[in-house]
């Protein structure tokens, strides 16, 4: 260093420890000039400045990165709300407050809960020698969230969305389309009968979304905004008969009609639920379930058999589930 005070000092073990404390104080706390050689070191580490500036040689880079990230997010939001990506719906009512008190008569709420029959997410996985496919379909309201990519809203989505004026026919077309699509994608032989593999085919959902996921049947799911589907909303939904269970992005089960406890049977413990939870939310509990399913499937099912669900449903109660299994073995 051209700074003689720094260049001539011989660094000892004690001095390095003291300097580290001074650096931490300068960077994360309020450090006042000490009037000794440590001031010179702080200046040196700050970039040979005459003043005692904050030590953070990446501070400016971090600020630039944050600005760029915010700018990118703004651009993404503008893409979603660009006029070409907008779906427009209109309703007339004299008193919306009275209408909203009855879920069966709330046309706006009903329309926003309708699912679009164009998948927003698809993944495949190989298990037990078969290739299986998972498609996720967004509600209309999910299209207005900041969790989707603007390029999802294609001409096909616009065409499908126009049919929402007739909810009953819209839902009938949805069921026919997605069930036939699911049947055509499953059942082909995989490479390794005993192996497992999975991959995301496409996803128009941004990272770490907040959502509610509703299971229809294996391979068919609806994704809505946070808290969009609950037990009361589902009772008034045109598809209420086929809405089997709902979970949020953390893994909490919001309602469940299946009442099953099996990793191979469709329901809140079904393996696909945690493949989606891992792909969409990167939850640790999903990784645990996937690992156990692939390597210790019998043990995982054994734990489920001894779980009383008093702490809640789903593998989000992983600790309670495992503890009850251990207690049962004792």
C-alpha atoms as a PDB file:
ATOM      1  CA  UNK A   1       0.000   0.000   0.000  1.00  0.00           C
ATOM      2  CA  UNK A   2       1.237   3.565  -0.657  1.00  0.00           C
ATOM      3  CA  UNK A   3       0.009   4.362   2.835  1.00  0.00           C
ATOM      4  CA  UNK A   4       3.148   4.074   4.942  1.00  0.00           C
ATOM      5  CA  UNK A   5       1.208   3.554   8.178  1.00  0.00           C
ATOM      6  CA  UNK A   6      -0.353   0.427   6.690  1.00  0.00           C
ATOM      7  CA  UNK A   7       2.710  -0.789   4.791  1.00  0.00           C
ATOM      8  CA  UNK A   8       5.044  -0.690   7.793  1.00  0.00           C
ATOM      9  CA  UNK A   9       2.769  -2.454  10.291  1.00  0.00           C
ATOM     10  CA  UNK A  10       3.493  -6.111  10.910  1.00  0.00           C
ATOM     11  CA  UNK A  11       0.223  -7.957  11.327  1.00  0.00           C
ATOM     12  CA  UNK A  12       0.122 -10.186  14.383  1.00  0.00           C
ATOM     13  CA  UNK A  13      -2.596 -12.638  15.366  1.00  0.00           C
ATOM     14  CA  UNK A  14      -3.964 -10.269  18.009  1.00  0.00           C
ATOM     15  CA  UNK A  15      -3.926  -7.333  15.615  1.00  0.00           C
ATOM     16  CA  UNK A  16      -5.847  -9.257  12.963  1.00  0.00           C
ATOM     17  CA  UNK A  17      -8.509 -10.126  15.537  1.00  0.00           C
ATOM     18  CA  UNK A  18      -8.764  -6.505  16.641  1.00  0.00           C
ATOM     19  CA  UNK A  19      -8.898  -5.310  13.012  1.00  0.00           C
ATOM     20  CA  UNK A  20     -11.695  -7.777  12.230  1.00  0.00           C
ATOM     21  CA  UNK A  21     -13.724  -6.322  15.105  1.00  0.00           C
ATOM     22  CA  UNK A  22     -13.093  -2.802  13.805  1.00  0.00           C
ATOM     23  CA  UNK A  23     -14.227  -3.820  10.310  1.00  0.00           C
ATOM     24  CA  UNK A  24     -17.430  -5.388  11.618  1.00  0.00           C
ATOM     25  CA  UNK A  25     -18.164  -2.283  13.647  1.00  0.00           C
ATOM     26  CA  UNK A  26     -17.487  -0.040  10.637  1.00  0.00           C
ATOM     27  CA  UNK A  27     -19.645  -2.116   8.293  1.00  0.00           C
ATOM     28  CA  UNK A  28     -22.576  -3.048  10.511  1.00  0.00           C
ATOM     29  CA  UNK A  29     -22.499  -0.613  13.445  1.00  0.00           C
ATOM     30  CA  UNK A  30     -21.426   2.968  14.155  1.00  0.00           C
ATOM     31  CA  UNK A  31     -17.638   3.231  14.397  1.00  0.00           C
ATOM     32  CA  UNK A  32     -15.960   6.423  15.482  1.00  0.00           C
ATOM     33  CA  UNK A  33     -12.350   7.280  14.527  1.00  0.00           C
ATOM     34  CA  UNK A  34      -9.946   5.760  17.031  1.00  0.00           C
ATOM     35  CA  UNK A  35      -6.950   7.965  16.152  1.00  0.00           C
ATOM     36  CA  UNK A  36      -4.599   5.007  15.658  1.00  0.00           C
ATOM     37  CA  UNK A  37      -3.397   2.689  12.918  1.00  0.00           C
ATOM     38  CA  UNK A  38      -6.824   1.049  12.651  1.00  0.00           C
ATOM     39  CA  UNK A  39      -8.143   4.241  11.067  1.00  0.00           C
ATOM     40  CA  UNK A  40      -5.496   3.841   8.365  1.00  0.00           C
ATOM     41  CA  UNK A  41      -6.504   0.233   7.771  1.00  0.00           C
ATOM     42  CA  UNK A  42     -10.161   1.248   7.474  1.00  0.00           C
ATOM     43  CA  UNK A  43      -9.235   3.902   4.921  1.00  0.00           C
ATOM     44  CA  UNK A  44      -7.125   1.400   3.013  1.00  0.00           C
ATOM     45  CA  UNK A  45      -9.875  -1.237   2.933  1.00  0.00           C
ATOM     46  CA  UNK A  46     -12.404   1.412   1.927  1.00  0.00           C
ATOM     47  CA  UNK A  47     -10.474   2.216  -1.237  1.00  0.00           C
ATOM     48  CA  UNK A  48      -7.650   4.565  -0.231  1.00  0.00           C
ATOM     49  CA  UNK A  49     -10.091   7.399   0.508  1.00  0.00           C
ATOM     50  CA  UNK A  50      -9.183  10.322   2.753  1.00  0.00           C
ATOM     51  CA  UNK A  51     -12.425   9.942   4.683  1.00  0.00           C
ATOM     52  CA  UNK A  52     -13.552   7.010   6.733  1.00  0.00           C
ATOM     53  CA  UNK A  53     -16.188   5.637   4.379  1.00  0.00           C
ATOM     54  CA  UNK A  54     -18.174   2.475   4.931  1.00  0.00           C
ATOM     55  CA  UNK A  55     -16.331  -0.725   4.058  1.00  0.00           C
ATOM     56  CA  UNK A  56     -18.313  -2.435   1.358  1.00  0.00           C
ATOM     57  CA  UNK A  57     -16.519  -2.789  -1.913  1.00  0.00           C
ATOM     58  CA  UNK A  58     -19.691  -4.392  -3.325  1.00  0.00           C
ATOM     59  CA  UNK A  59     -22.091  -1.820  -1.879  1.00  0.00           C
ATOM     60  CA  UNK A  60     -22.420   0.099  -5.101  1.00  0.00           C
ATOM     61  CA  UNK A  61     -22.734  -3.115  -7.053  1.00  0.00           C
ATOM     62  CA  UNK A  62     -25.465  -4.275  -4.681  1.00  0.00           C
ATOM     63  CA  UNK A  63     -27.369  -1.010  -5.136  1.00  0.00           C
ATOM     64  CA  UNK A  64     -27.059  -1.275  -8.900  1.00  0.00           C
ATOM     65  CA  UNK A  65     -28.227  -4.887  -8.761  1.00  0.00           C
ATOM     66  CA  UNK A  66     -31.220  -3.932  -6.616  1.00  0.00           C
ATOM     67  CA  UNK A  67     -32.130  -1.136  -9.017  1.00  0.00           C
ATOM     68  CA  UNK A  68     -31.822  -3.507 -11.976  1.00  0.00           C
ATOM     69  CA  UNK A  69     -33.934  -6.131 -10.189  1.00  0.00           C
ATOM     70  CA  UNK A  70     -36.619  -3.560  -9.387  1.00  0.00           C
ATOM     71  CA  UNK A  71     -36.534  -2.359 -12.979  1.00  0.00           C
ATOM     72  CA  UNK A  72     -36.879  -5.934 -14.243  1.00  0.00           C
ATOM     73  CA  UNK A  73     -39.806  -6.542 -11.907  1.00  0.00           C
ATOM     74  CA  UNK A  74     -41.466  -3.365 -13.134  1.00  0.00           C
ATOM     75  CA  UNK A  75     -40.959  -4.500 -16.717  1.00  0.00           C
ATOM     76  CA  UNK A  76     -42.407  -7.922 -15.911  1.00  0.00           C
ATOM     77  CA  UNK A  77     -45.422  -6.282 -14.283  1.00  0.00           C
ATOM     78  CA  UNK A  78     -45.894  -4.021 -17.296  1.00  0.00           C
ATOM     79  CA  UNK A  79     -45.732  -7.097 -19.560  1.00  0.00           C
ATOM     80  CA  UNK A  80     -48.536  -8.720 -17.592  1.00  0.00           C
ATOM     81  CA  UNK A  81     -50.710  -5.622 -17.654  1.00  0.00           C
ATOM     82  CA  UNK A  82     -49.883  -4.664 -21.219  1.00  0.00           C
ATOM     83  CA  UNK A  83     -53.115  -4.094 -23.125  1.00  0.00           C
ATOM     84  CA  UNK A  84     -52.524  -7.084 -25.386  1.00  0.00           C
ATOM     85  CA  UNK A  85     -52.302  -9.306 -22.284  1.00  0.00           C
ATOM     86  CA  UNK A  86     -55.483  -8.054 -20.644  1.00  0.00           C
ATOM     87  CA  UNK A  87     -58.713  -9.982 -20.336  1.00  0.00           C
ATOM     88  CA  UNK A  88     -61.666  -7.646 -19.891  1.00  0.00           C
ATOM     89  CA  UNK A  89     -64.862  -8.576 -18.060  1.00  0.00           C
ATOM     90  CA  UNK A  90     -67.816  -6.342 -17.204  1.00  0.00           C
ATOM     91  CA  UNK A  91     -70.741  -6.768 -14.824  1.00  0.00           C
ATOM     92  CA  UNK A  92     -73.675  -4.543 -14.002  1.00  0.00           C
ATOM     93  CA  UNK A  93     -75.256  -4.425 -10.580  1.00  0.00           C
ATOM     94  CA  UNK A  94     -77.218  -1.893  -8.555  1.00  0.00           C
ATOM     95  CA  UNK A  95     -75.747  -3.011  -5.242  1.00  0.00           C
ATOM     96  CA  UNK A  96     -72.584  -5.101  -5.326  1.00  0.00           C
ATOM     97  CA  UNK A  97     -72.430  -5.262  -1.525  1.00  0.00           C
ATOM     98  CA  UNK A  98     -75.691  -7.198  -1.395  1.00  0.00           C
ATOM     99  CA  UNK A  99     -74.570  -9.406  -4.271  1.00  0.00           C
ATOM    100  CA  UNK A 100     -71.276 -10.230  -2.555  1.00  0.00           C
ATOM    101  CA  UNK A 101     -73.092 -11.546   0.519  1.00  0.00           C
ATOM    102  CA  UNK A 102     -74.338 -14.510  -1.483  1.00  0.00           C
ATOM    103  CA  UNK A 103     -71.508 -16.503  -3.142  1.00  0.00           C
ATOM    104  CA  UNK A 104     -73.949 -18.055  -5.595  1.00  0.00           C
ATOM    105  CA  UNK A 105     -74.982 -14.626  -6.908  1.00  0.00           C
ATOM    106  CA  UNK A 106     -71.592 -12.870  -6.884  1.00  0.00           C
ATOM    107  CA  UNK A 107     -70.928 -12.948 -10.632  1.00  0.00           C
ATOM    108  CA  UNK A 108     -67.600 -11.123 -10.411  1.00  0.00           C
ATOM    109  CA  UNK A 109     -66.199 -13.467  -7.782  1.00  0.00           C
ATOM    110  CA  UNK A 110     -67.528 -16.505  -9.617  1.00  0.00           C
ATOM    111  CA  UNK A 111     -65.953 -15.451 -12.913  1.00  0.00           C
ATOM    112  CA  UNK A 112     -62.585 -14.763 -11.308  1.00  0.00           C
ATOM    113  CA  UNK A 113     -62.571 -18.278  -9.837  1.00  0.00           C
ATOM    114  CA  UNK A 114     -63.111 -20.003 -13.197  1.00  0.00           C
ATOM    115  CA  UNK A 115     -60.105 -21.970 -14.485  1.00  0.00           C
ATOM    116  CA  UNK A 116     -58.595 -21.436 -17.927  1.00  0.00           C
ATOM    117  CA  UNK A 117     -58.201 -24.716 -19.853  1.00  0.00           C
ATOM    118  CA  UNK A 118     -54.721 -23.742 -21.093  1.00  0.00           C
ATOM    119  CA  UNK A 119     -52.009 -25.110 -18.772  1.00  0.00           C
ATOM    120  CA  UNK A 120     -49.735 -22.543 -17.146  1.00  0.00           C
ATOM    121  CA  UNK A 121     -47.368 -25.210 -15.860  1.00  0.00           C
ATOM    122  CA  UNK A 122     -46.519 -28.744 -16.942  1.00  0.00           C
ATOM    123  CA  UNK A 123     -44.060 -31.292 -15.652  1.00  0.00           C
ATOM    124  CA  UNK A 124     -43.390 -34.977 -16.251  1.00  0.00           C
ATOM    125  CA  UNK A 125     -42.075 -37.628 -13.945  1.00  0.00           C
ATOM    126  CA  UNK A 126     -41.122 -41.257 -14.332  1.00  0.00           C
ATOM    127  CA  UNK A 127     -42.174 -43.666 -11.622  1.00  0.00           C
ATOM    128  CA  UNK A 128     -42.782 -47.407 -11.506  1.00  0.00           C
ATOM    129  CA  UNK A 129     -41.885 -47.757 -15.186  1.00  0.00           C
ATOM    130  CA  UNK A 130     -44.455 -45.228 -16.412  1.00  0.00           C
ATOM    131  CA  UNK A 131     -44.288 -41.668 -17.578  1.00  0.00           C
ATOM    132  CA  UNK A 132     -46.829 -39.436 -15.873  1.00  0.00           C
ATOM    133  CA  UNK A 133     -47.686 -35.844 -16.602  1.00  0.00           C
ATOM    134  CA  UNK A 134     -48.932 -33.013 -14.376  1.00  0.00           C
ATOM    135  CA  UNK A 135     -50.738 -29.965 -15.741  1.00  0.00           C
ATOM    136  CA  UNK A 136     -51.688 -26.922 -13.698  1.00  0.00           C
ATOM    137  CA  UNK A 137     -54.441 -24.568 -14.871  1.00  0.00           C
ATOM    138  CA  UNK A 138     -54.805 -20.983 -13.584  1.00  0.00           C
ATOM    139  CA  UNK A 139     -57.971 -19.258 -12.470  1.00  0.00           C
ATOM    140  CA  UNK A 140     -58.885 -16.040 -14.226  1.00  0.00           C
ATOM    141  CA  UNK A 141     -57.985 -14.105 -11.075  1.00  0.00           C
ATOM    142  CA  UNK A 142     -54.515 -15.672 -11.047  1.00  0.00           C
ATOM    143  CA  UNK A 143     -53.936 -14.031 -14.435  1.00  0.00           C
ATOM    144  CA  UNK A 144     -54.276 -10.651 -12.713  1.00  0.00           C
ATOM    145  CA  UNK A 145     -51.578 -11.460 -10.143  1.00  0.00           C
ATOM    146  CA  UNK A 146     -47.880 -10.612 -10.406  1.00  0.00           C
ATOM    147  CA  UNK A 147     -47.008 -14.325 -10.209  1.00  0.00           C
ATOM    148  CA  UNK A 148     -47.409 -15.063 -13.914  1.00  0.00           C
ATOM    149  CA  UNK A 149     -45.318 -14.288 -16.980  1.00  0.00           C
ATOM    150  CA  UNK A 150     -46.989 -12.012 -19.472  1.00  0.00           C
ATOM    151  CA  UNK A 151     -46.338 -14.284 -22.464  1.00  0.00           C
ATOM    152  CA  UNK A 152     -48.705 -16.892 -21.027  1.00  0.00           C
ATOM    153  CA  UNK A 153     -51.650 -14.735 -22.043  1.00  0.00           C
ATOM    154  CA  UNK A 154     -51.733 -15.868 -25.660  1.00  0.00           C
ATOM    155  CA  UNK A 155     -54.439 -15.692 -28.321  1.00  0.00           C
ATOM    156  CA  UNK A 156     -55.665 -19.105 -27.158  1.00  0.00           C
ATOM    157  CA  UNK A 157     -56.043 -17.827 -23.585  1.00  0.00           C
ATOM    158  CA  UNK A 158     -57.981 -14.813 -24.902  1.00  0.00           C
ATOM    159  CA  UNK A 159     -60.229 -17.113 -26.925  1.00  0.00           C
ATOM    160  CA  UNK A 160     -60.911 -19.414 -23.976  1.00  0.00           C
ATOM    161  CA  UNK A 161     -61.456 -16.486 -21.605  1.00  0.00           C
ATOM    162  CA  UNK A 162     -64.244 -15.049 -23.749  1.00  0.00           C
ATOM    163  CA  UNK A 163     -66.396 -18.057 -22.876  1.00  0.00           C
ATOM    164  CA  UNK A 164     -66.518 -17.085 -19.194  1.00  0.00           C
ATOM    165  CA  UNK A 165     -69.778 -15.222 -19.797  1.00  0.00           C
ATOM    166  CA  UNK A 166     -71.494 -18.628 -19.522  1.00  0.00           C
ATOM    167  CA  UNK A 167     -69.919 -20.243 -16.408  1.00  0.00           C
ATOM    168  CA  UNK A 168     -71.716 -23.601 -16.728  1.00  0.00           C
ATOM    169  CA  UNK A 169     -70.674 -24.191 -20.333  1.00  0.00           C
ATOM    170  CA  UNK A 170     -67.236 -22.769 -19.579  1.00  0.00           C
ATOM    171  CA  UNK A 171     -66.709 -25.343 -16.809  1.00  0.00           C
ATOM    172  CA  UNK A 172     -68.090 -28.195 -18.917  1.00  0.00           C
ATOM    173  CA  UNK A 173     -65.624 -27.329 -21.692  1.00  0.00           C
ATOM    174  CA  UNK A 174     -62.826 -27.103 -19.126  1.00  0.00           C
ATOM    175  CA  UNK A 175     -63.543 -30.582 -17.739  1.00  0.00           C
ATOM    176  CA  UNK A 176     -63.792 -32.131 -21.199  1.00  0.00           C
ATOM    177  CA  UNK A 177     -60.566 -30.503 -22.399  1.00  0.00           C
ATOM    178  CA  UNK A 178     -58.321 -31.151 -19.411  1.00  0.00           C
ATOM    179  CA  UNK A 179     -59.486 -34.717 -18.779  1.00  0.00           C
ATOM    180  CA  UNK A 180     -58.905 -35.750 -22.381  1.00  0.00           C
ATOM    181  CA  UNK A 181     -55.503 -34.018 -22.352  1.00  0.00           C
ATOM    182  CA  UNK A 182     -54.512 -35.817 -19.143  1.00  0.00           C
ATOM    183  CA  UNK A 183     -55.570 -39.208 -20.548  1.00  0.00           C
ATOM    184  CA  UNK A 184     -53.463 -38.701 -23.677  1.00  0.00           C
ATOM    185  CA  UNK A 185     -50.269 -37.878 -21.791  1.00  0.00           C
ATOM    186  CA  UNK A 186     -50.051 -40.663 -19.203  1.00  0.00           C
ATOM    187  CA  UNK A 187     -49.261 -44.353 -19.313  1.00  0.00           C
ATOM    188  CA  UNK A 188     -46.232 -44.558 -21.607  1.00  0.00           C
ATOM    189  CA  UNK A 189     -43.363 -46.734 -20.494  1.00  0.00           C
ATOM    190  CA  UNK A 190     -40.409 -45.121 -18.827  1.00  0.00           C
ATOM    191  CA  UNK A 191     -36.751 -46.038 -19.129  1.00  0.00           C
ATOM    192  CA  UNK A 192     -36.080 -47.644 -15.752  1.00  0.00           C
ATOM    193  CA  UNK A 193     -38.919 -49.573 -14.020  1.00  0.00           C
ATOM    194  CA  UNK A 194     -37.299 -49.009 -10.634  1.00  0.00           C
ATOM    195  CA  UNK A 195     -35.995 -45.491 -11.202  1.00  0.00           C
ATOM    196  CA  UNK A 196     -37.403 -42.029 -10.719  1.00  0.00           C
ATOM    197  CA  UNK A 197     -36.920 -38.808 -12.617  1.00  0.00           C
ATOM    198  CA  UNK A 198     -38.830 -35.570 -13.081  1.00  0.00           C
ATOM    199  CA  UNK A 199     -38.546 -32.464 -15.205  1.00  0.00           C
ATOM    200  CA  UNK A 200     -40.501 -29.271 -15.801  1.00  0.00           C
ATOM    201  CA  UNK A 201     -41.692 -29.062 -19.409  1.00  0.00           C
ATOM    202  CA  UNK A 202     -42.724 -25.413 -19.190  1.00  0.00           C
ATOM    203  CA  UNK A 203     -43.723 -22.915 -16.547  1.00  0.00           C
ATOM    204  CA  UNK A 204     -45.264 -19.463 -16.843  1.00  0.00           C
ATOM    205  CA  UNK A 205     -45.344 -19.101 -13.056  1.00  0.00           C
ATOM    206  CA  UNK A 206     -42.693 -16.887 -11.507  1.00  0.00           C
ATOM    207  CA  UNK A 207     -40.501 -18.029  -8.640  1.00  0.00           C
ATOM    208  CA  UNK A 208     -41.897 -18.231  -5.103  1.00  0.00           C
ATOM    209  CA  UNK A 209     -45.534 -17.432  -5.870  1.00  0.00           C
ATOM    210  CA  UNK A 210     -48.240 -17.233  -3.252  1.00  0.00           C
ATOM    211  CA  UNK A 211     -51.081 -19.459  -4.336  1.00  0.00           C
ATOM    212  CA  UNK A 212     -53.779 -22.003  -3.569  1.00  0.00           C
ATOM    213  CA  UNK A 213     -53.527 -25.323  -5.398  1.00  0.00           C
ATOM    214  CA  UNK A 214     -56.659 -27.437  -5.882  1.00  0.00           C
ATOM    215  CA  UNK A 215     -56.456 -31.098  -6.828  1.00  0.00           C
ATOM    216  CA  UNK A 216     -58.994 -32.401  -9.365  1.00  0.00           C
ATOM    217  CA  UNK A 217     -57.535 -35.805 -10.198  1.00  0.00           C
ATOM    218  CA  UNK A 218     -54.000 -37.191 -10.609  1.00  0.00           C
ATOM    219  CA  UNK A 219     -52.182 -34.936 -13.045  1.00  0.00           C
ATOM    220  CA  UNK A 220     -54.840 -32.177 -13.065  1.00  0.00           C
ATOM    221  CA  UNK A 221     -54.639 -29.179 -10.722  1.00  0.00           C
ATOM    222  CA  UNK A 222     -55.995 -25.634 -10.557  1.00  0.00           C
ATOM    223  CA  UNK A 223     -53.879 -22.778  -9.214  1.00  0.00           C
ATOM    224  CA  UNK A 224     -55.507 -19.670  -7.782  1.00  0.00           C
ATOM    225  CA  UNK A 225     -54.333 -16.686  -5.787  1.00  0.00           C
ATOM    226  CA  UNK A 226     -53.646 -16.956  -2.075  1.00  0.00           C
ATOM    227  CA  UNK A 227     -56.817 -17.850  -0.125  1.00  0.00           C
ATOM    228  CA  UNK A 228     -58.904 -17.946  -3.294  1.00  0.00           C
ATOM    229  CA  UNK A 229     -60.206 -21.453  -2.589  1.00  0.00           C
ATOM    230  CA  UNK A 230     -61.554 -22.314   0.808  1.00  0.00           C
ATOM    231  CA  UNK A 231     -64.265 -24.694   1.927  1.00  0.00           C
ATOM    232  CA  UNK A 232     -67.001 -22.040   1.638  1.00  0.00           C
ATOM    233  CA  UNK A 233     -65.928 -20.719  -1.771  1.00  0.00           C
ATOM    234  CA  UNK A 234     -65.677 -24.222  -3.172  1.00  0.00           C
ATOM    235  CA  UNK A 235     -69.261 -25.060  -2.195  1.00  0.00           C
ATOM    236  CA  UNK A 236     -70.491 -22.274  -4.471  1.00  0.00           C
ATOM    237  CA  UNK A 237     -68.089 -23.074  -7.327  1.00  0.00           C
ATOM    238  CA  UNK A 238     -69.539 -24.605 -10.533  1.00  0.00           C
ATOM    239  CA  UNK A 239     -66.860 -27.329 -10.288  1.00  0.00           C
ATOM    240  CA  UNK A 240     -67.431 -28.040  -6.592  1.00  0.00           C
ATOM    241  CA  UNK A 241     -68.160 -31.729  -7.221  1.00  0.00           C
ATOM    242  CA  UNK A 242     -64.700 -32.409  -8.646  1.00  0.00           C
ATOM    243  CA  UNK A 243     -62.653 -30.136  -6.329  1.00  0.00           C
ATOM    244  CA  UNK A 244     -61.068 -32.787  -4.104  1.00  0.00           C
ATOM    245  CA  UNK A 245     -58.641 -30.906  -1.847  1.00  0.00           C
ATOM    246  CA  UNK A 246     -56.745 -27.617  -1.632  1.00  0.00           C
ATOM    247  CA  UNK A 247     -53.318 -26.667  -0.308  1.00  0.00           C
ATOM    248  CA  UNK A 248     -51.323 -23.439  -0.167  1.00  0.00           C
ATOM    249  CA  UNK A 249     -47.734 -22.732  -1.232  1.00  0.00           C
ATOM    250  CA  UNK A 250     -46.350 -23.830   2.142  1.00  0.00           C
ATOM    251  CA  UNK A 251     -48.186 -27.142   2.132  1.00  0.00           C
ATOM    252  CA  UNK A 252     -51.044 -26.438   4.557  1.00  0.00           C
ATOM    253  CA  UNK A 253     -54.183 -28.347   3.593  1.00  0.00           C
ATOM    254  CA  UNK A 254     -57.156 -25.977   3.372  1.00  0.00           C
ATOM    255  CA  UNK A 255     -59.845 -28.587   2.809  1.00  0.00           C
ATOM    256  CA  UNK A 256     -59.957 -32.271   1.925  1.00  0.00           C
ATOM    257  CA  UNK A 257     -62.751 -34.484   0.609  1.00  0.00           C
ATOM    258  CA  UNK A 258     -60.605 -37.558   0.002  1.00  0.00           C
ATOM    259  CA  UNK A 259     -59.676 -38.406   3.611  1.00  0.00           C
ATOM    260  CA  UNK A 260     -56.923 -40.755   2.477  1.00  0.00           C
ATOM    261  CA  UNK A 261     -53.489 -41.323   3.957  1.00  0.00           C
ATOM    262  CA  UNK A 262     -51.430 -42.782   1.146  1.00  0.00           C
ATOM    263  CA  UNK A 263     -48.518 -41.515  -0.924  1.00  0.00           C
ATOM    264  CA  UNK A 264     -49.867 -43.428  -3.948  1.00  0.00           C
ATOM    265  CA  UNK A 265     -53.529 -42.455  -3.647  1.00  0.00           C
ATOM    266  CA  UNK A 266     -54.789 -39.063  -4.777  1.00  0.00           C
ATOM    267  CA  UNK A 267     -55.184 -36.703  -1.849  1.00  0.00           C
ATOM    268  CA  UNK A 268     -53.207 -34.391   0.464  1.00  0.00           C
ATOM    269  CA  UNK A 269     -50.408 -36.973   0.875  1.00  0.00           C
ATOM    270  CA  UNK A 270     -50.221 -37.914  -2.789  1.00  0.00           C
ATOM    271  CA  UNK A 271     -46.699 -37.787  -4.209  1.00  0.00           C
ATOM    272  CA  UNK A 272     -47.616 -35.369  -7.015  1.00  0.00           C
ATOM    273  CA  UNK A 273     -48.658 -32.728  -4.506  1.00  0.00           C
ATOM    274  CA  UNK A 274     -45.065 -32.527  -3.251  1.00  0.00           C
ATOM    275  CA  UNK A 275     -43.517 -32.616  -6.700  1.00  0.00           C
ATOM    276  CA  UNK A 276     -45.535 -29.473  -7.419  1.00  0.00           C
ATOM    277  CA  UNK A 277     -44.685 -27.962  -4.043  1.00  0.00           C
ATOM    278  CA  UNK A 278     -40.988 -28.453  -4.802  1.00  0.00           C
ATOM    279  CA  UNK A 279     -41.213 -27.153  -8.376  1.00  0.00           C
ATOM    280  CA  UNK A 280     -43.298 -24.062  -7.534  1.00  0.00           C
ATOM    281  CA  UNK A 281     -42.259 -23.150  -3.985  1.00  0.00           C
ATOM    282  CA  UNK A 282     -38.963 -24.975  -3.255  1.00  0.00           C
ATOM    283  CA  UNK A 283     -40.243 -26.041   0.155  1.00  0.00           C
ATOM    284  CA  UNK A 284     -37.914 -28.166   2.280  1.00  0.00           C
ATOM    285  CA  UNK A 285     -40.716 -30.508   3.325  1.00  0.00           C
ATOM    286  CA  UNK A 286     -41.312 -31.316  -0.351  1.00  0.00           C
ATOM    287  CA  UNK A 287     -37.688 -32.364  -0.745  1.00  0.00           C
ATOM    288  CA  UNK A 288     -38.025 -34.582   2.325  1.00  0.00           C
ATOM    289  CA  UNK A 289     -41.083 -36.309   0.900  1.00  0.00           C
ATOM    290  CA  UNK A 290     -39.459 -36.826  -2.510  1.00  0.00           C
ATOM    291  CA  UNK A 291     -36.317 -38.293  -0.931  1.00  0.00           C
ATOM    292  CA  UNK A 292     -38.286 -40.649   1.308  1.00  0.00           C
ATOM    293  CA  UNK A 293     -40.606 -41.645  -1.541  1.00  0.00           C
ATOM    294  CA  UNK A 294     -37.657 -42.623  -3.733  1.00  0.00           C
ATOM    295  CA  UNK A 295     -35.495 -44.289  -1.072  1.00  0.00           C
ATOM    296  CA  UNK A 296     -37.701 -45.175   1.918  1.00  0.00           C
ATOM    297  CA  UNK A 297     -41.228 -45.388   0.538  1.00  0.00           C
ATOM    298  CA  UNK A 298     -42.299 -48.155   2.916  1.00  0.00           C
ATOM    299  CA  UNK A 299     -41.079 -46.161   5.909  1.00  0.00           C
ATOM    300  CA  UNK A 300     -42.905 -43.069   4.683  1.00  0.00           C
ATOM    301  CA  UNK A 301     -46.161 -44.987   4.370  1.00  0.00           C
ATOM    302  CA  UNK A 302     -45.557 -46.610   7.768  1.00  0.00           C
ATOM    303  CA  UNK A 303     -45.292 -43.149   9.331  1.00  0.00           C
ATOM    304  CA  UNK A 304     -48.556 -42.112   7.679  1.00  0.00           C
ATOM    305  CA  UNK A 305     -50.330 -45.184   9.015  1.00  0.00           C
ATOM    306  CA  UNK A 306     -49.496 -44.103  12.582  1.00  0.00           C
ATOM    307  CA  UNK A 307     -50.294 -40.388  12.145  1.00  0.00           C
ATOM    308  CA  UNK A 308     -53.575 -39.243  13.761  1.00  0.00           C
ATOM    309  CA  UNK A 309     -53.733 -35.841  11.943  1.00  0.00           C
ATOM    310  CA  UNK A 310     -54.509 -33.934  15.150  1.00  0.00           C
ATOM    311  CA  UNK A 311     -51.816 -31.409  14.228  1.00  0.00           C
ATOM    312  CA  UNK A 312     -53.213 -31.028  10.717  1.00  0.00           C
ATOM    313  CA  UNK A 313     -53.187 -32.788   7.382  1.00  0.00           C
ATOM    314  CA  UNK A 314     -50.377 -33.052   4.889  1.00  0.00           C
ATOM    315  CA  UNK A 315     -46.651 -33.603   5.157  1.00  0.00           C
ATOM    316  CA  UNK A 316     -46.251 -30.004   6.312  1.00  0.00           C
ATOM    317  CA  UNK A 317     -46.684 -31.639   9.757  1.00  0.00           C
ATOM    318  CA  UNK A 318     -43.532 -33.663   9.065  1.00  0.00           C
ATOM    319  CA  UNK A 319     -42.083 -33.485  12.596  1.00  0.00           C
ATOM    320  CA  UNK A 320     -45.303 -34.604  14.277  1.00  0.00           C
ATOM    321  CA  UNK A 321     -45.789 -37.333  11.726  1.00  0.00           C
ATOM    322  CA  UNK A 322     -42.302 -38.770  12.271  1.00  0.00           C
ATOM    323  CA  UNK A 323     -42.493 -38.457  16.057  1.00  0.00           C
ATOM    324  CA  UNK A 324     -45.782 -40.355  16.257  1.00  0.00           C
ATOM    325  CA  UNK A 325     -44.319 -43.139  14.169  1.00  0.00           C
ATOM    326  CA  UNK A 326     -41.347 -43.461  16.528  1.00  0.00           C
ATOM    327  CA  UNK A 327     -43.619 -43.498  19.576  1.00  0.00           C
ATOM    328  CA  UNK A 328     -45.775 -46.214  17.989  1.00  0.00           C
ATOM    329  CA  UNK A 329     -42.698 -48.389  17.395  1.00  0.00           C
ATOM    330  CA  UNK A 330     -41.695 -48.086  21.065  1.00  0.00           C
END
